[in-house]
């Protein structure tokens, strides 16, 4: 597969597929970074159902501190990328498009669905695969539910406000 490229999948509701491609060597790098990220999540107990329940019951600051530090890190990183005019490997300008609040109903509804799912499963969607890797096989149901929800969203997208 050396020298070949894998075409990116067409995004939900996009009219034109992205013409850029991903080299297999980058896929291996992304896989290794994902493994490292899963290891860090596991060792820091961010995957722990008990830690998540502590957060939702306001019994511990730990998860809020981790999430807050991630938000601060992301904000500083984006500010540095913008300040130094850093470009992606493809040469494209890195930018984050502005969001319009409008009446905010879509954010309220989406955030509520996300929060209910998080509270019911005891896991944010990000570490679901890492939880399965840690032997919490019941999370397979959560992964399948997330995939079904993604499919339903793609199917309903044209009728939803954007």
N, C-alpha and C. Protein backbone atom coordinates (compact mmCIF):
# COMPACT_ATOMS: atom_id res chain seq x y z
N UNK A 1 0.80 -1.20 0.00
CA UNK A 1 0.00 0.00 0.00
C UNK A 1 0.84 1.26 0.00
N UNK A 2 2.13 1.14 -0.11
CA UNK A 2 3.00 2.30 -0.09
C UNK A 2 2.72 3.16 -1.31
N UNK A 3 2.59 4.46 -1.07
CA UNK A 3 2.35 5.39 -2.16
C UNK A 3 0.89 5.53 -2.52
N UNK A 4 0.06 4.61 -2.06
CA UNK A 4 -1.36 4.72 -2.36
C UNK A 4 -2.00 5.67 -1.36
N UNK A 5 -3.18 6.12 -1.70
CA UNK A 5 -3.92 6.96 -0.78
C UNK A 5 -5.31 6.37 -0.58
N UNK A 6 -5.88 6.64 0.56
CA UNK A 6 -7.23 6.20 0.86
C UNK A 6 -8.13 7.43 0.82
N UNK A 7 -9.14 7.38 -0.02
CA UNK A 7 -10.04 8.53 -0.12
C UNK A 7 -10.86 8.68 1.16
N UNK A 8 -11.08 9.91 1.56
CA UNK A 8 -11.89 10.17 2.74
C UNK A 8 -13.35 9.88 2.42
N UNK A 9 -14.08 9.45 3.43
CA UNK A 9 -15.50 9.20 3.26
C UNK A 9 -16.22 10.52 3.10
N UNK A 10 -17.30 10.49 2.34
CA UNK A 10 -18.09 11.71 2.16
C UNK A 10 -18.76 12.03 3.49
N UNK A 11 -18.72 13.29 3.90
CA UNK A 11 -19.30 13.70 5.17
C UNK A 11 -20.82 13.70 5.12
N UNK A 12 -21.43 13.75 6.27
CA UNK A 12 -22.89 13.75 6.38
C UNK A 12 -23.48 14.95 5.67
N UNK A 13 -24.24 14.69 4.64
CA UNK A 13 -24.97 15.75 3.96
C UNK A 13 -24.13 16.62 3.05
N UNK A 14 -22.84 16.35 2.91
CA UNK A 14 -22.01 17.16 2.02
C UNK A 14 -22.38 16.87 0.58
N UNK A 15 -22.40 17.91 -0.20
CA UNK A 15 -22.72 17.74 -1.61
C UNK A 15 -21.54 17.18 -2.38
N UNK A 16 -20.34 17.64 -2.04
CA UNK A 16 -19.14 17.21 -2.74
C UNK A 16 -18.19 16.52 -1.76
N UNK A 17 -17.68 15.34 -2.11
CA UNK A 17 -16.70 14.73 -1.22
C UNK A 17 -15.41 15.54 -1.20
N UNK A 18 -14.69 15.45 -0.12
CA UNK A 18 -13.42 16.15 0.03
C UNK A 18 -12.40 15.53 -0.93
N UNK A 19 -11.72 16.36 -1.68
CA UNK A 19 -10.77 15.86 -2.68
C UNK A 19 -9.45 15.43 -2.05
N UNK A 20 -9.19 15.87 -0.82
CA UNK A 20 -7.94 15.49 -0.16
C UNK A 20 -7.98 14.02 0.22
N UNK A 21 -6.83 13.45 0.46
CA UNK A 21 -6.76 12.04 0.83
C UNK A 21 -5.80 11.86 2.00
N UNK A 22 -5.85 10.68 2.61
CA UNK A 22 -5.02 10.37 3.76
C UNK A 22 -4.06 9.25 3.37
N UNK A 23 -2.79 9.45 3.63
CA UNK A 23 -1.80 8.41 3.33
C UNK A 23 -1.86 7.33 4.42
N UNK A 24 -1.66 6.06 4.03
CA UNK A 24 -1.71 4.99 5.04
C UNK A 24 -0.74 5.18 6.20
N UNK A 25 0.42 5.80 5.96
CA UNK A 25 1.36 6.02 7.06
C UNK A 25 0.74 6.93 8.12
N UNK A 26 -0.08 7.90 7.69
CA UNK A 26 -0.75 8.76 8.65
C UNK A 26 -1.82 7.99 9.42
N UNK A 27 -2.48 7.04 8.75
CA UNK A 27 -3.47 6.23 9.45
C UNK A 27 -2.82 5.44 10.58
N UNK A 28 -1.64 4.90 10.33
CA UNK A 28 -0.90 4.18 11.38
C UNK A 28 -0.54 5.13 12.51
N UNK A 29 -0.11 6.34 12.18
CA UNK A 29 0.22 7.34 13.20
C UNK A 29 -1.01 7.69 14.02
N UNK A 30 -2.15 7.89 13.34
CA UNK A 30 -3.39 8.22 14.05
C UNK A 30 -3.79 7.08 14.98
N UNK A 31 -3.61 5.84 14.52
CA UNK A 31 -3.93 4.68 15.35
C UNK A 31 -3.05 4.66 16.61
N UNK A 32 -1.76 4.90 16.43
CA UNK A 32 -0.84 4.90 17.58
C UNK A 32 -1.15 6.05 18.54
N UNK A 33 -1.50 7.22 17.99
CA UNK A 33 -1.89 8.34 18.85
C UNK A 33 -3.17 8.01 19.62
N UNK A 34 -4.11 7.33 18.96
CA UNK A 34 -5.34 6.90 19.62
C UNK A 34 -5.07 5.92 20.74
N UNK A 35 -4.14 4.98 20.51
CA UNK A 35 -3.76 4.04 21.57
C UNK A 35 -3.16 4.79 22.76
N UNK A 36 -2.28 5.73 22.49
CA UNK A 36 -1.66 6.51 23.56
C UNK A 36 -2.71 7.32 24.32
N UNK A 37 -3.63 7.91 23.58
CA UNK A 37 -4.69 8.69 24.21
C UNK A 37 -5.56 7.80 25.09
N UNK A 38 -5.91 6.62 24.60
CA UNK A 38 -6.70 5.68 25.39
C UNK A 38 -5.97 5.26 26.66
N UNK A 39 -4.65 5.06 26.56
CA UNK A 39 -3.84 4.69 27.72
C UNK A 39 -3.88 5.82 28.76
N UNK A 40 -3.72 7.06 28.31
CA UNK A 40 -3.75 8.20 29.23
C UNK A 40 -5.13 8.33 29.88
N UNK A 41 -6.18 8.15 29.09
CA UNK A 41 -7.53 8.21 29.66
C UNK A 41 -7.72 7.15 30.73
N UNK A 42 -7.22 5.96 30.45
CA UNK A 42 -7.36 4.86 31.40
C UNK A 42 -6.58 5.12 32.68
N UNK A 43 -5.33 5.52 32.56
CA UNK A 43 -4.48 5.73 33.74
C UNK A 43 -4.95 6.92 34.58
N UNK A 44 -5.55 7.92 33.96
CA UNK A 44 -5.99 9.10 34.71
C UNK A 44 -7.38 8.91 35.32
N UNK A 45 -7.96 7.73 35.11
CA UNK A 45 -9.28 7.38 35.62
C UNK A 45 -10.41 8.22 35.04
N UNK A 46 -10.16 8.86 33.92
CA UNK A 46 -11.21 9.63 33.26
C UNK A 46 -12.30 8.69 32.74
N UNK A 47 -11.93 7.43 32.49
CA UNK A 47 -12.88 6.44 32.00
C UNK A 47 -13.76 5.87 33.11
N UNK A 48 -13.41 6.12 34.33
CA UNK A 48 -14.09 5.50 35.46
C UNK A 48 -15.53 6.00 35.60
N UNK A 49 -16.44 5.05 35.62
CA UNK A 49 -17.84 5.38 35.82
C UNK A 49 -18.02 6.11 37.14
N UNK A 50 -17.28 5.70 38.16
CA UNK A 50 -17.39 6.32 39.48
C UNK A 50 -16.94 7.78 39.44
N UNK A 51 -15.88 8.07 38.69
CA UNK A 51 -15.41 9.46 38.58
C UNK A 51 -16.46 10.32 37.87
N UNK A 52 -17.08 9.75 36.84
CA UNK A 52 -18.10 10.50 36.09
C UNK A 52 -19.33 10.74 36.97
N UNK A 53 -19.73 9.73 37.75
CA UNK A 53 -20.86 9.91 38.66
C UNK A 53 -20.54 10.95 39.74
N UNK A 54 -19.29 10.95 40.23
CA UNK A 54 -18.88 11.98 41.18
C UNK A 54 -19.07 13.37 40.58
N UNK A 55 -18.73 13.49 39.31
CA UNK A 55 -18.86 14.79 38.64
C UNK A 55 -20.33 15.19 38.56
N UNK A 56 -21.18 14.28 38.08
CA UNK A 56 -22.59 14.63 37.92
C UNK A 56 -23.31 14.86 39.25
N UNK A 57 -22.76 14.32 40.32
CA UNK A 57 -23.35 14.54 41.65
C UNK A 57 -22.66 15.68 42.39
N UNK A 58 -21.75 16.36 41.73
CA UNK A 58 -21.00 17.48 42.31
C UNK A 58 -20.27 17.06 43.59
N UNK A 59 -19.72 15.84 43.60
CA UNK A 59 -19.01 15.34 44.77
C UNK A 59 -17.50 15.49 44.64
N UNK A 60 -17.01 15.82 43.44
CA UNK A 60 -15.57 15.93 43.24
C UNK A 60 -15.29 16.94 42.13
N UNK A 61 -14.21 17.68 42.32
CA UNK A 61 -13.80 18.66 41.31
C UNK A 61 -12.93 18.02 40.23
N UNK A 62 -12.46 16.80 40.43
CA UNK A 62 -11.47 16.16 39.56
C UNK A 62 -11.83 16.24 38.07
N UNK A 63 -13.01 15.77 37.70
CA UNK A 63 -13.39 15.75 36.28
C UNK A 63 -13.56 17.17 35.73
N UNK A 64 -14.12 18.06 36.55
CA UNK A 64 -14.26 19.45 36.11
C UNK A 64 -12.89 20.07 35.86
N UNK A 65 -11.94 19.73 36.70
CA UNK A 65 -10.57 20.23 36.52
C UNK A 65 -9.95 19.71 35.24
N UNK A 66 -10.15 18.43 34.95
CA UNK A 66 -9.60 17.83 33.73
C UNK A 66 -10.25 18.44 32.50
N UNK A 67 -11.58 18.55 32.51
CA UNK A 67 -12.29 19.12 31.37
C UNK A 67 -11.92 20.60 31.21
N UNK A 68 -11.87 21.32 32.32
CA UNK A 68 -11.50 22.74 32.26
C UNK A 68 -10.10 22.95 31.72
N UNK A 69 -9.15 22.11 32.16
CA UNK A 69 -7.79 22.25 31.64
C UNK A 69 -7.72 21.91 30.16
N UNK A 70 -8.56 20.98 29.70
CA UNK A 70 -8.61 20.67 28.27
C UNK A 70 -9.16 21.86 27.47
N UNK A 71 -10.18 22.52 28.00
CA UNK A 71 -10.75 23.70 27.33
C UNK A 71 -9.71 24.82 27.26
N UNK A 72 -9.02 25.07 28.37
CA UNK A 72 -7.99 26.13 28.39
C UNK A 72 -6.86 25.78 27.41
N UNK A 73 -6.42 24.52 27.41
CA UNK A 73 -5.36 24.08 26.49
C UNK A 73 -5.78 24.27 25.05
N UNK A 74 -7.02 23.88 24.73
CA UNK A 74 -7.52 24.02 23.36
C UNK A 74 -7.60 25.50 22.97
N UNK A 75 -8.08 26.35 23.86
CA UNK A 75 -8.19 27.78 23.56
C UNK A 75 -6.82 28.40 23.32
N UNK A 76 -5.86 28.07 24.18
CA UNK A 76 -4.51 28.61 24.00
C UNK A 76 -3.88 28.08 22.71
N UNK A 77 -4.09 26.79 22.42
CA UNK A 77 -3.53 26.21 21.20
C UNK A 77 -4.09 26.89 19.96
N UNK A 78 -5.41 27.10 19.95
CA UNK A 78 -6.03 27.77 18.80
C UNK A 78 -5.53 29.21 18.67
N UNK A 79 -5.38 29.89 19.79
CA UNK A 79 -4.86 31.27 19.75
C UNK A 79 -3.44 31.30 19.19
N UNK A 80 -2.61 30.34 19.60
CA UNK A 80 -1.24 30.28 19.08
C UNK A 80 -1.22 29.93 17.59
N UNK A 81 -2.06 28.98 17.18
CA UNK A 81 -2.14 28.64 15.76
C UNK A 81 -2.54 29.85 14.93
N UNK A 82 -3.52 30.59 15.43
CA UNK A 82 -3.97 31.79 14.72
C UNK A 82 -2.92 32.89 14.76
N UNK A 83 -2.31 33.09 15.93
CA UNK A 83 -1.31 34.14 16.08
C UNK A 83 -0.08 33.94 15.23
N UNK A 84 0.36 32.69 15.08
CA UNK A 84 1.55 32.39 14.29
C UNK A 84 1.21 32.00 12.85
N UNK A 85 -0.08 32.10 12.50
CA UNK A 85 -0.53 31.82 11.13
C UNK A 85 -0.04 30.44 10.65
N UNK A 86 -0.21 29.43 11.49
CA UNK A 86 0.24 28.07 11.18
C UNK A 86 -0.68 27.46 10.13
N UNK A 87 -0.08 26.72 9.21
CA UNK A 87 -0.85 26.05 8.16
C UNK A 87 -0.85 24.54 8.40
N UNK A 88 -1.86 23.87 7.89
CA UNK A 88 -1.96 22.41 7.98
C UNK A 88 -0.90 21.78 7.07
N UNK A 89 -0.68 20.47 7.22
CA UNK A 89 0.28 19.78 6.36
C UNK A 89 -0.07 19.92 4.89
N UNK A 90 -1.37 20.06 4.60
CA UNK A 90 -1.80 20.21 3.21
C UNK A 90 -1.53 21.61 2.68
N UNK A 91 -1.14 22.54 3.56
CA UNK A 91 -0.89 23.92 3.16
C UNK A 91 -2.09 24.83 3.37
N UNK A 92 -3.23 24.25 3.75
CA UNK A 92 -4.44 25.04 3.98
C UNK A 92 -4.33 25.83 5.28
N UNK A 93 -4.99 26.97 5.30
CA UNK A 93 -5.05 27.79 6.50
C UNK A 93 -5.88 27.06 7.55
N UNK A 94 -5.40 27.02 8.79
CA UNK A 94 -6.16 26.41 9.88
C UNK A 94 -7.10 27.49 10.42
N UNK A 95 -8.39 27.19 10.41
CA UNK A 95 -9.35 28.16 10.91
C UNK A 95 -10.53 27.43 11.53
N UNK A 96 -11.17 28.12 12.45
CA UNK A 96 -12.38 27.60 13.08
C UNK A 96 -13.50 28.55 12.67
N UNK A 97 -14.47 28.06 11.91
CA UNK A 97 -15.55 28.94 11.48
C UNK A 97 -16.39 29.43 12.66
N UNK A 98 -16.84 30.66 12.57
CA UNK A 98 -17.66 31.24 13.64
C UNK A 98 -19.01 30.53 13.70
N UNK A 99 -19.53 30.37 14.90
CA UNK A 99 -20.84 29.75 15.10
C UNK A 99 -21.85 30.86 15.35
N UNK A 100 -23.05 30.68 14.80
CA UNK A 100 -24.12 31.63 15.06
C UNK A 100 -25.06 31.03 16.09
N UNK A 101 -25.40 31.79 17.08
CA UNK A 101 -26.25 31.29 18.16
C UNK A 101 -27.71 31.24 17.75
N UNK A 102 -28.17 32.19 16.94
CA UNK A 102 -29.59 32.32 16.59
C UNK A 102 -30.41 32.27 17.86
N UNK A 103 -31.39 31.34 17.95
CA UNK A 103 -32.19 31.27 19.17
C UNK A 103 -31.63 30.24 20.15
N UNK A 104 -30.62 29.49 19.77
CA UNK A 104 -29.94 28.57 20.67
C UNK A 104 -30.63 27.24 20.90
N UNK A 105 -31.79 27.04 20.28
CA UNK A 105 -32.55 25.80 20.52
C UNK A 105 -31.77 24.57 20.08
N UNK A 106 -31.08 24.66 18.95
CA UNK A 106 -30.35 23.49 18.46
C UNK A 106 -29.22 23.11 19.43
N UNK A 107 -28.59 24.10 20.06
CA UNK A 107 -27.54 23.81 21.02
C UNK A 107 -28.13 23.25 22.31
N UNK A 108 -29.25 23.78 22.73
CA UNK A 108 -29.92 23.28 23.93
C UNK A 108 -30.37 21.84 23.71
N UNK A 109 -30.99 21.57 22.58
CA UNK A 109 -31.47 20.22 22.29
C UNK A 109 -30.31 19.24 22.12
N UNK A 110 -29.31 19.62 21.33
CA UNK A 110 -28.16 18.74 21.11
C UNK A 110 -27.39 18.49 22.39
N UNK A 111 -27.17 19.52 23.18
CA UNK A 111 -26.46 19.37 24.44
C UNK A 111 -27.24 18.51 25.43
N UNK A 112 -28.56 18.64 25.42
CA UNK A 112 -29.39 17.83 26.31
C UNK A 112 -29.33 16.36 25.92
N UNK A 113 -29.43 16.07 24.62
CA UNK A 113 -29.33 14.68 24.16
C UNK A 113 -27.96 14.11 24.52
N UNK A 114 -26.91 14.90 24.28
CA UNK A 114 -25.55 14.47 24.62
C UNK A 114 -25.43 14.19 26.11
N UNK A 115 -25.91 15.12 26.93
CA UNK A 115 -25.81 14.97 28.38
C UNK A 115 -26.59 13.79 28.92
N UNK A 116 -27.79 13.56 28.40
CA UNK A 116 -28.58 12.41 28.83
C UNK A 116 -27.87 11.11 28.47
N UNK A 117 -27.33 11.05 27.26
CA UNK A 117 -26.59 9.85 26.86
C UNK A 117 -25.37 9.63 27.73
N UNK A 118 -24.67 10.70 28.05
CA UNK A 118 -23.48 10.63 28.90
C UNK A 118 -23.87 10.13 30.30
N UNK A 119 -24.95 10.69 30.84
CA UNK A 119 -25.38 10.30 32.18
C UNK A 119 -25.88 8.85 32.21
N UNK A 120 -26.60 8.43 31.18
CA UNK A 120 -27.12 7.06 31.16
C UNK A 120 -26.02 6.00 31.02
N UNK A 121 -25.03 6.29 30.18
CA UNK A 121 -23.96 5.31 29.96
C UNK A 121 -22.83 5.47 30.96
N UNK A 122 -22.72 6.63 31.55
CA UNK A 122 -21.60 6.89 32.46
C UNK A 122 -20.31 7.14 31.70
N UNK A 123 -20.43 7.48 30.41
CA UNK A 123 -19.23 7.69 29.60
C UNK A 123 -19.51 8.71 28.50
N UNK A 124 -18.56 9.58 28.30
CA UNK A 124 -18.57 10.49 27.17
C UNK A 124 -18.30 9.65 25.92
N UNK A 125 -18.81 10.04 24.76
CA UNK A 125 -18.58 9.24 23.56
C UNK A 125 -17.12 9.04 23.20
N UNK A 126 -16.26 9.99 23.53
CA UNK A 126 -14.85 9.89 23.17
C UNK A 126 -14.15 8.62 23.65
N UNK A 127 -14.26 8.27 24.91
CA UNK A 127 -13.53 7.11 25.41
C UNK A 127 -14.30 5.78 25.34
N UNK A 128 -15.39 5.71 24.61
CA UNK A 128 -16.15 4.45 24.57
C UNK A 128 -15.30 3.28 24.10
N UNK A 129 -14.52 3.48 23.06
CA UNK A 129 -13.69 2.39 22.54
C UNK A 129 -12.61 2.01 23.56
N UNK A 130 -12.07 3.01 24.25
CA UNK A 130 -11.07 2.72 25.28
C UNK A 130 -11.69 1.92 26.42
N UNK A 131 -12.94 2.21 26.76
CA UNK A 131 -13.62 1.42 27.79
C UNK A 131 -13.78 -0.03 27.35
N UNK A 132 -14.13 -0.23 26.10
CA UNK A 132 -14.24 -1.61 25.58
C UNK A 132 -12.88 -2.29 25.68
N UNK A 133 -11.83 -1.56 25.33
CA UNK A 133 -10.47 -2.09 25.44
C UNK A 133 -10.07 -2.42 26.87
N UNK A 134 -10.68 -1.74 27.83
CA UNK A 134 -10.43 -2.01 29.25
C UNK A 134 -11.29 -3.16 29.77
N UNK A 135 -12.08 -3.77 28.89
CA UNK A 135 -12.89 -4.91 29.30
C UNK A 135 -14.31 -4.59 29.70
N UNK A 136 -14.74 -3.33 29.53
CA UNK A 136 -16.11 -2.96 29.86
C UNK A 136 -16.96 -3.21 28.60
N UNK A 137 -17.25 -4.48 28.36
CA UNK A 137 -17.88 -4.87 27.09
C UNK A 137 -19.32 -4.38 26.95
N UNK A 138 -19.95 -3.99 28.05
CA UNK A 138 -21.31 -3.44 27.95
C UNK A 138 -21.32 -2.16 27.11
N UNK A 139 -20.17 -1.51 26.98
CA UNK A 139 -20.07 -0.28 26.20
C UNK A 139 -20.21 -0.54 24.69
N UNK A 140 -20.17 -1.80 24.29
CA UNK A 140 -20.44 -2.12 22.88
C UNK A 140 -21.84 -1.63 22.52
N UNK A 141 -22.78 -1.77 23.45
CA UNK A 141 -24.14 -1.28 23.21
C UNK A 141 -24.15 0.24 23.04
N UNK A 142 -23.33 0.94 23.81
CA UNK A 142 -23.26 2.40 23.69
C UNK A 142 -22.64 2.80 22.36
N UNK A 143 -21.60 2.07 21.92
CA UNK A 143 -20.97 2.37 20.62
C UNK A 143 -21.98 2.14 19.49
N UNK A 144 -22.68 1.01 19.55
CA UNK A 144 -23.69 0.73 18.52
C UNK A 144 -24.80 1.78 18.53
N UNK A 145 -25.21 2.21 19.72
CA UNK A 145 -26.22 3.27 19.83
C UNK A 145 -25.72 4.58 19.24
N UNK A 146 -24.45 4.90 19.50
CA UNK A 146 -23.87 6.13 18.94
C UNK A 146 -23.82 6.06 17.42
N UNK A 147 -23.46 4.90 16.89
CA UNK A 147 -23.43 4.74 15.43
C UNK A 147 -24.82 4.86 14.83
N UNK A 148 -25.81 4.27 15.48
CA UNK A 148 -27.19 4.38 15.00
C UNK A 148 -27.65 5.84 15.07
N UNK A 149 -27.32 6.51 16.17
CA UNK A 149 -27.68 7.93 16.30
C UNK A 149 -27.03 8.79 15.23
N UNK A 150 -25.79 8.48 14.89
CA UNK A 150 -25.11 9.21 13.82
C UNK A 150 -25.79 8.97 12.49
N UNK A 151 -26.19 7.74 12.23
CA UNK A 151 -26.89 7.41 10.99
C UNK A 151 -28.23 8.14 10.93
N UNK A 152 -28.97 8.15 12.04
CA UNK A 152 -30.27 8.83 12.08
C UNK A 152 -30.07 10.32 11.83
N UNK A 153 -29.04 10.91 12.45
CA UNK A 153 -28.76 12.33 12.21
C UNK A 153 -28.48 12.59 10.73
N UNK A 154 -27.65 11.75 10.11
CA UNK A 154 -27.34 11.93 8.69
C UNK A 154 -28.60 11.83 7.85
N UNK A 155 -29.49 10.96 8.24
CA UNK A 155 -30.74 10.77 7.50
C UNK A 155 -31.67 11.98 7.68
N UNK A 156 -31.71 12.55 8.89
CA UNK A 156 -32.60 13.67 9.20
C UNK A 156 -31.98 15.04 8.94
N UNK A 157 -30.71 15.09 8.67
CA UNK A 157 -29.96 16.35 8.60
C UNK A 157 -30.60 17.40 7.71
N UNK A 158 -31.08 17.01 6.58
CA UNK A 158 -31.62 18.01 5.63
C UNK A 158 -32.84 18.73 6.18
N UNK A 159 -33.53 18.15 7.17
CA UNK A 159 -34.70 18.79 7.74
C UNK A 159 -34.41 19.51 9.04
N UNK A 160 -33.19 19.42 9.53
CA UNK A 160 -32.82 20.05 10.79
C UNK A 160 -32.25 21.45 10.55
N UNK A 161 -32.42 22.35 11.50
CA UNK A 161 -31.86 23.70 11.33
C UNK A 161 -30.34 23.69 11.45
N UNK A 162 -29.68 24.36 10.53
CA UNK A 162 -28.22 24.47 10.57
C UNK A 162 -27.80 25.90 10.35
